[in-house]
Amino acid sequence: MPEKDPLLERQQLHADSLEGDDNADGGLYTMGQTNVQHGILRGKRILVTRTREQAGVLSERLLALGAMPVEFPTIRIVPPHNWASLDWALGRLFPTAMENDDQRDCPYAWLIFTSANGVHICCERLLERGYDLQAMCPVRVAAIGPATAAALTHYGIHPDLVPDIYVAESVAAALIHDSQQRGESLQGKRILLPRAAEARNVLVTELQHAGAVVDEVAAYTTVSVASDDQQGREIVKLLQRGEIDMITFTSSSTVRNFMQWFRSCAIDDTFLHQPSLKIACIGPITSQTARELGLDVDIEANEFTIDGLVEAIVRASLADAPLQREE
């Protein structure tokens, strides 16, 4: 008897769990303001490339719609090797630290978070060092989007600003507009920006052009975890057999690390250009990275969130009947 593929066995468990669910086919799932059939994605095998800790959120959404998500983390979030710079910057948010600081007359006007990862790492670090998050100086807080805002709320911090479009350019524009509405300027205002070490420069550049003094501090690094291990080889087999219907990317780093892994496996790129394989990205920045690395982007979320990505996938499925895998 041939040996069973462990990856396919895990997927079958997902499928079996849906078989006994009365909502799997006949029920409705609320997506935004639209109700869709729970089984609308039934039979689709969708690769989820988020971090292991974050993949579950997207996988659960896809499972609820009948898909068979395959979690294949391509990145891992790593805290700073040396905390000194981040500790110093975060400490300045608290009065006790500022009293002994030569720059105590220049407190931060804004604290900006561009990811939930940055929120968790910074807040957990402050708690670990004994700070009371509610004792923070009166600094205004900006979050790049709803997921980041939700992470802040989890720690009792309520963001003052969330842009309508969840990209760095919009954060800068929103801060500048907010200042203008208040009859103020960002000129000379100090802004703390703890974020990924490899983040794009556009936010810092735009804020500096507006006259702000930006303290950009690395709060974490994203590192590649995809490798030529058993799971990696199973993914290769599925791609070569045309048994992956879609690959999802939720950040530029997931794209870069997936492609680095893929090319290290010495596989022909044509397997990523099969008509049956769709590439879905969470937003235009991720899509741009994917295209630069040679991928054809089929689906792009209008709202740059996990729910927005799922909604885009569903709409593409409704519009593209061949995307449905026959049982």
Protein backbone atom coordinates (compact mmCIF):
# COMPACT_ATOMS: atom_id res chain seq x y z
CA MET A 1 0.00 0.00 0.00
CA PRO A 2 1.49 3.39 -0.97
CA GLU A 3 2.41 5.72 1.86
CA LYS A 4 -0.15 8.46 2.47
CA ASP A 5 0.83 12.06 2.00
CA PRO A 6 0.67 13.59 5.51
CA LEU A 7 -0.21 17.00 4.12
CA LEU A 8 -3.20 15.60 2.26
CA GLU A 9 -4.25 13.68 5.37
CA ARG A 10 -4.37 16.94 7.32
CA GLN A 11 -6.44 18.55 4.57
CA GLN A 12 -8.85 15.62 4.61
CA LEU A 13 -9.39 16.17 8.31
CA HIS A 14 -10.42 19.75 7.50
CA ALA A 15 -12.77 18.52 4.80
CA ASP A 16 -14.26 15.84 7.06
CA SER A 17 -14.93 18.42 9.76
CA LEU A 18 -17.01 20.38 7.26
CA GLU A 19 -19.00 17.35 6.10
CA GLY A 20 -20.80 17.19 9.43
CA ASP A 21 -21.55 20.90 9.50
CA ASP A 22 -25.09 21.77 8.49
CA ASN A 23 -23.84 25.17 7.35
CA ALA A 24 -21.10 23.78 5.12
CA ASP A 25 -23.25 23.93 1.99
CA GLY A 26 -26.65 25.32 2.79
CA GLY A 27 -25.83 27.97 5.38
CA LEU A 28 -24.91 31.58 4.83
CA TYR A 29 -21.72 33.35 5.81
CA THR A 30 -21.74 37.12 6.30
CA MET A 31 -19.04 38.84 4.26
CA GLY A 32 -19.18 42.57 4.74
CA GLN A 33 -22.83 43.33 4.03
CA THR A 34 -23.23 40.32 1.76
CA ASN A 35 -24.37 36.82 2.65
CA VAL A 36 -22.60 34.06 0.73
CA GLN A 37 -22.89 30.29 0.78
CA HIS A 38 -20.61 28.62 3.31
CA GLY A 39 -19.44 26.15 0.65
CA ILE A 40 -18.61 28.75 -1.99
CA LEU A 41 -14.90 27.82 -1.83
CA ARG A 42 -15.49 24.11 -1.36
CA GLY A 43 -12.78 21.94 -2.87
CA LYS A 44 -10.23 24.73 -3.33
CA ARG A 45 -6.80 24.10 -1.89
CA ILE A 46 -5.40 27.50 -0.87
CA LEU A 47 -1.84 28.10 0.29
CA VAL A 48 -1.54 30.42 3.31
CA THR A 49 1.94 31.93 3.61
CA ARG A 50 1.55 34.04 6.78
CA THR A 51 3.54 33.46 9.96
CA ARG A 52 2.63 30.32 11.87
CA GLU A 53 1.14 32.44 14.67
CA GLN A 54 -1.05 34.50 12.32
CA ALA A 55 -2.01 31.94 9.67
CA GLY A 56 -4.94 30.63 11.71
CA VAL A 57 -7.06 33.75 11.24
CA LEU A 58 -7.02 33.50 7.45
CA SER A 59 -7.31 29.71 7.51
CA GLU A 60 -10.43 29.88 9.68
CA ARG A 61 -12.08 32.34 7.30
CA LEU A 62 -11.31 30.08 4.34
CA LEU A 63 -12.46 26.94 6.17
CA ALA A 64 -15.78 28.60 6.97
CA LEU A 65 -16.33 28.96 3.22
CA GLY A 66 -15.44 25.35 2.46
CA ALA A 67 -11.84 25.76 1.30
CA MET A 68 -8.93 23.51 2.28
CA PRO A 69 -6.25 25.91 3.54
CA VAL A 70 -2.67 24.67 3.49
CA GLU A 71 -0.57 26.59 6.00
CA PHE A 72 2.97 27.10 4.73
CA PRO A 73 4.60 29.89 6.76
CA THR A 74 7.30 31.67 4.79
CA ILE A 75 8.28 34.20 7.47
CA ARG A 76 8.81 34.42 11.21
CA ILE A 77 8.76 37.55 13.35
CA VAL A 78 11.95 37.95 15.41
CA PRO A 79 12.37 40.57 18.19
CA PRO A 80 15.53 42.73 18.24
CA HIS A 81 18.78 41.00 19.11
CA ASN A 82 19.74 44.15 21.01
CA TRP A 83 16.88 45.96 22.76
CA ALA A 84 18.84 49.11 23.70
CA SER A 85 17.54 51.47 20.98
CA LEU A 86 13.94 50.32 21.26
CA ASP A 87 14.00 50.40 25.07
CA TRP A 88 15.36 53.96 25.06
CA ALA A 89 12.78 55.20 22.56
CA LEU A 90 9.82 53.51 24.24
CA GLY A 91 10.99 54.67 27.66
CA ARG A 92 10.73 58.30 26.54
CA LEU A 93 6.96 57.83 26.31
CA PHE A 94 6.79 57.78 30.11
CA PRO A 95 7.29 60.79 32.44
CA THR A 96 9.69 59.00 34.78
CA ALA A 97 12.11 58.43 31.90
CA MET A 98 11.76 61.96 30.53
CA GLU A 99 12.64 63.64 33.84
CA ASN A 100 16.24 62.47 33.44
CA ASP A 101 16.41 63.02 29.69
CA ASP A 102 18.28 65.97 28.24
CA GLN A 103 15.54 66.18 25.59
CA ARG A 104 12.64 66.18 28.05
CA ASP A 105 11.28 69.34 26.42
CA CYS A 106 10.75 67.43 23.15
CA PRO A 107 8.28 64.64 23.94
CA TYR A 108 6.85 62.65 21.05
CA ALA A 109 3.86 64.23 19.39
CA TRP A 110 2.93 60.98 17.65
CA LEU A 111 3.49 57.26 18.12
CA ILE A 112 2.89 55.37 14.88
CA PHE A 113 2.36 51.63 14.49
CA THR A 114 2.33 50.07 11.02
CA SER A 115 1.56 46.49 12.05
CA ALA A 116 -0.01 44.44 14.81
CA ASN A 117 3.39 42.74 15.19
CA GLY A 118 4.95 46.05 16.18
CA VAL A 119 2.19 46.68 18.70
CA HIS A 120 2.55 43.28 20.38
CA ILE A 121 6.34 43.41 20.59
CA CYS A 122 6.46 46.98 21.94
CA CYS A 123 3.64 46.58 24.45
CA GLU A 124 4.87 43.23 25.72
CA ARG A 125 8.37 44.65 26.10
CA LEU A 126 7.07 47.62 28.10
CA LEU A 127 5.01 45.35 30.35
CA GLU A 128 8.00 43.05 30.82
CA ARG A 129 10.03 46.06 31.98
CA GLY A 130 7.36 47.09 34.49
CA TYR A 131 5.75 50.02 32.68
CA ASP A 132 2.07 50.84 33.12
CA LEU A 133 0.74 51.39 29.61
CA GLN A 134 -1.96 53.69 30.97
CA ALA A 135 0.73 55.99 32.42
CA MET A 136 2.05 56.92 28.99
CA CYS A 137 2.61 60.61 28.26
CA PRO A 138 -0.14 62.39 26.31
CA VAL A 139 1.09 61.25 22.92
CA ARG A 140 -1.23 60.81 19.95
CA VAL A 141 -1.28 57.31 18.48
CA ALA A 142 -1.76 56.32 14.84
CA ALA A 143 -2.44 52.83 13.47
CA ILE A 144 -2.06 51.88 9.82
CA GLY A 145 -5.29 49.87 9.75
CA PRO A 146 -8.02 48.09 11.73
CA ALA A 147 -5.95 45.02 12.67
CA THR A 148 -3.24 47.25 14.13
CA ALA A 149 -5.89 49.37 15.85
CA ALA A 150 -7.46 46.23 17.35
CA ALA A 151 -4.05 45.14 18.67
CA LEU A 152 -3.64 48.52 20.37
CA THR A 153 -7.12 48.32 21.88
CA HIS A 154 -6.20 44.93 23.32
CA TYR A 155 -3.60 46.73 25.42
CA GLY A 156 -5.99 49.51 26.40
CA ILE A 157 -4.56 52.02 23.94
CA HIS A 158 -7.12 53.66 21.67
CA PRO A 159 -5.65 55.06 18.44
CA ASP A 160 -6.38 58.67 17.58
CA LEU A 161 -5.97 58.14 13.86
CA VAL A 162 -6.52 55.29 11.38
CA PRO A 163 -6.32 56.26 7.68
CA ASP A 164 -9.03 55.25 5.23
CA ILE A 165 -6.49 53.42 3.06
CA TYR A 166 -4.21 51.06 4.95
CA VAL A 167 -0.79 51.83 3.46
CA ALA A 168 2.17 53.88 4.68
CA GLU A 169 1.54 56.70 2.21
CA SER A 170 -1.93 57.19 3.67
CA VAL A 171 -0.62 57.30 7.23
CA ALA A 172 1.67 60.20 6.32
CA ALA A 173 -1.10 61.99 4.42
CA ALA A 174 -3.53 61.52 7.31
CA LEU A 175 -1.07 62.94 9.85
CA ILE A 176 -0.36 65.95 7.66
CA HIS A 177 -4.09 66.53 7.07
CA ASP A 178 -4.84 66.15 10.79
CA SER A 179 -2.24 68.80 11.63
CA GLN A 180 -3.66 71.17 9.03
CA GLN A 181 -7.17 70.67 10.39
CA ARG A 182 -5.89 71.65 13.82
CA GLY A 183 -4.18 74.73 12.44
CA GLU A 184 -0.83 73.22 13.32
CA SER A 185 2.21 71.88 11.50
CA LEU A 186 4.39 68.82 11.81
CA GLN A 187 7.43 71.09 11.60
CA GLY A 188 9.80 70.13 14.40
CA LYS A 189 7.37 67.58 15.87
CA ARG A 190 9.04 64.40 17.08
CA ILE A 191 7.45 61.13 15.96
CA LEU A 192 8.26 57.63 17.18
CA LEU A 193 8.00 54.89 14.56
CA PRO A 194 8.79 51.39 15.88
CA ARG A 195 8.44 48.92 13.00
CA ALA A 196 10.05 46.17 10.95
CA ALA A 197 13.74 46.61 10.25
CA GLU A 198 13.18 46.06 6.53
CA ALA A 199 10.14 48.35 6.08
CA ARG A 200 9.76 50.73 3.14
CA ASN A 201 11.18 54.26 3.52
CA VAL A 202 8.16 56.12 2.16
CA LEU A 203 6.54 56.91 5.54
CA VAL A 204 9.72 58.34 7.04
CA THR A 205 10.46 60.31 3.88
CA GLU A 206 6.98 61.87 3.69
CA LEU A 207 6.98 62.84 7.37
CA GLN A 208 10.45 64.34 7.11
CA HIS A 209 9.37 66.34 4.06
CA ALA A 210 6.58 67.74 6.26
CA GLY A 211 9.21 68.86 8.77
CA ALA A 212 8.80 66.13 11.38
CA VAL A 213 11.70 64.58 13.28
CA VAL A 214 11.22 60.83 12.98
CA ASP A 215 12.78 58.38 15.41
CA GLU A 216 12.60 55.16 13.39
CA VAL A 217 13.47 52.15 15.55
CA ALA A 218 13.59 48.48 14.57
CA ALA A 219 11.04 46.62 16.70
CA TYR A 220 11.40 43.32 14.86
CA THR A 221 12.78 41.56 11.81
CA THR A 222 11.04 39.17 9.44
CA VAL A 223 13.14 36.14 8.59
CA SER A 224 12.57 33.33 6.14
CA VAL A 225 11.46 29.98 7.51
CA ALA A 226 10.42 28.14 4.35
CA SER A 227 12.93 25.40 3.61
CA ASP A 228 13.55 22.17 1.77
CA ASP A 229 12.02 20.08 4.56
CA GLN A 230 9.22 17.52 4.42
CA GLN A 231 6.49 20.15 4.27
CA GLY A 232 8.36 22.11 1.62
CA ARG A 233 8.72 18.99 -0.53
CA GLU A 234 5.00 18.27 -0.13
CA ILE A 235 4.16 21.78 -1.32
CA VAL A 236 6.45 21.30 -4.33
CA LYS A 237 4.62 18.09 -5.26
CA LEU A 238 1.23 19.79 -5.00
CA LEU A 239 2.39 22.66 -7.22
CA GLN A 240 3.90 20.31 -9.78
CA ARG A 241 0.67 18.28 -9.90
CA GLY A 242 -1.43 21.42 -10.26
CA GLU A 243 -3.21 20.67 -6.99
CA ILE A 244 -2.84 24.13 -5.44
CA ASP A 245 -5.68 26.38 -6.59
CA MET A 246 -4.46 29.60 -5.04
CA ILE A 247 -1.53 31.16 -3.18
CA THR A 248 -2.29 34.00 -0.77
CA PHE A 249 0.18 36.72 0.18
CA THR A 250 -0.46 39.13 3.04
CA SER A 251 2.72 41.21 2.88
CA SER A 252 5.67 41.88 0.62
CA SER A 253 7.87 39.81 2.93
CA THR A 254 5.68 36.73 2.43
CA VAL A 255 6.08 37.12 -1.33
CA ARG A 256 9.84 37.65 -1.20
CA ASN A 257 10.47 34.72 1.10
CA PHE A 258 8.12 32.41 -0.80
CA MET A 259 9.90 33.18 -4.07
CA GLN A 260 13.31 32.80 -2.44
CA TRP A 261 12.26 29.37 -1.18
CA PHE A 262 10.65 28.40 -4.50
CA ARG A 263 13.71 29.27 -6.55
CA SER A 264 16.02 27.55 -4.07
CA CYS A 265 14.10 24.36 -4.84
CA ALA A 266 15.21 24.65 -8.49
CA ILE A 267 11.64 24.33 -9.76
CA ASP A 268 10.60 25.65 -13.14
CA ASP A 269 8.76 28.97 -12.70
CA THR A 270 6.13 27.78 -15.16
CA PHE A 271 4.46 25.90 -12.29
CA LEU A 272 3.53 29.31 -10.86
CA HIS A 273 1.94 30.38 -14.14
CA GLN A 274 -0.53 27.54 -14.61
CA PRO A 275 -3.97 28.86 -15.64
CA SER A 276 -5.55 26.97 -12.75
CA LEU A 277 -3.32 28.65 -10.13
CA LYS A 278 -4.47 32.03 -8.83
CA ILE A 279 -2.33 34.53 -6.93
CA ALA A 280 -4.19 36.60 -4.33
CA CYS A 281 -2.64 39.62 -2.58
CA ILE A 282 -3.86 41.70 0.35
CA GLY A 283 -3.18 45.03 -1.34
CA PRO A 284 -1.31 47.01 -4.01
CA ILE A 285 2.08 47.09 -2.25
CA THR A 286 2.11 43.30 -1.92
CA SER A 287 0.86 42.97 -5.50
CA GLN A 288 3.65 45.23 -6.76
CA THR A 289 6.25 43.08 -5.02
CA ALA A 290 4.69 39.93 -6.49
CA ARG A 291 4.80 41.35 -10.02
CA GLU A 292 8.38 42.53 -9.59
CA LEU A 293 9.28 38.94 -8.71
CA GLY A 294 7.58 37.56 -11.81
CA LEU A 295 4.16 36.54 -10.50
CA ASP A 296 0.86 37.26 -12.22
CA VAL A 297 -1.54 38.71 -9.66
CA ASP A 298 -5.12 37.59 -10.25
CA ILE A 299 -6.80 38.89 -7.11
CA GLU A 300 -6.17 42.02 -5.05
CA ALA A 301 -8.19 43.08 -2.02
CA ASN A 302 -9.92 46.46 -2.14
CA GLU A 303 -9.73 46.67 1.66
CA PHE A 304 -6.24 45.77 2.80
CA THR A 305 -7.24 43.39 5.60
CA ILE A 306 -7.67 39.64 6.00
CA ASP A 307 -11.44 40.02 5.66
CA GLY A 308 -10.89 42.16 2.58
CA LEU A 309 -8.65 39.49 1.08
CA VAL A 310 -11.23 36.77 1.75
CA GLU A 311 -13.95 38.92 0.22
CA ALA A 312 -11.84 39.44 -2.91
CA ILE A 313 -11.23 35.69 -3.16
CA VAL A 314 -14.95 34.98 -2.88
CA ARG A 315 -15.84 37.56 -5.51
CA ALA A 316 -13.25 36.11 -7.87
CA SER A 317 -14.66 32.64 -7.25
CA LEU A 318 -18.17 33.81 -8.06
CA ALA A 319 -16.95 35.47 -11.26
CA ASP A 320 -14.63 32.66 -12.35
CA ALA A 321 -16.46 29.33 -12.33
CA PRO A 322 -13.43 27.28 -13.55
CA LEU A 323 -11.70 28.19 -10.29
CA GLN A 324 -14.04 25.71 -8.57
CA ARG A 325 -12.40 22.29 -8.20
CA GLU A 326 -14.76 19.47 -9.06
CA GLU A 327 -15.09 16.72 -6.47
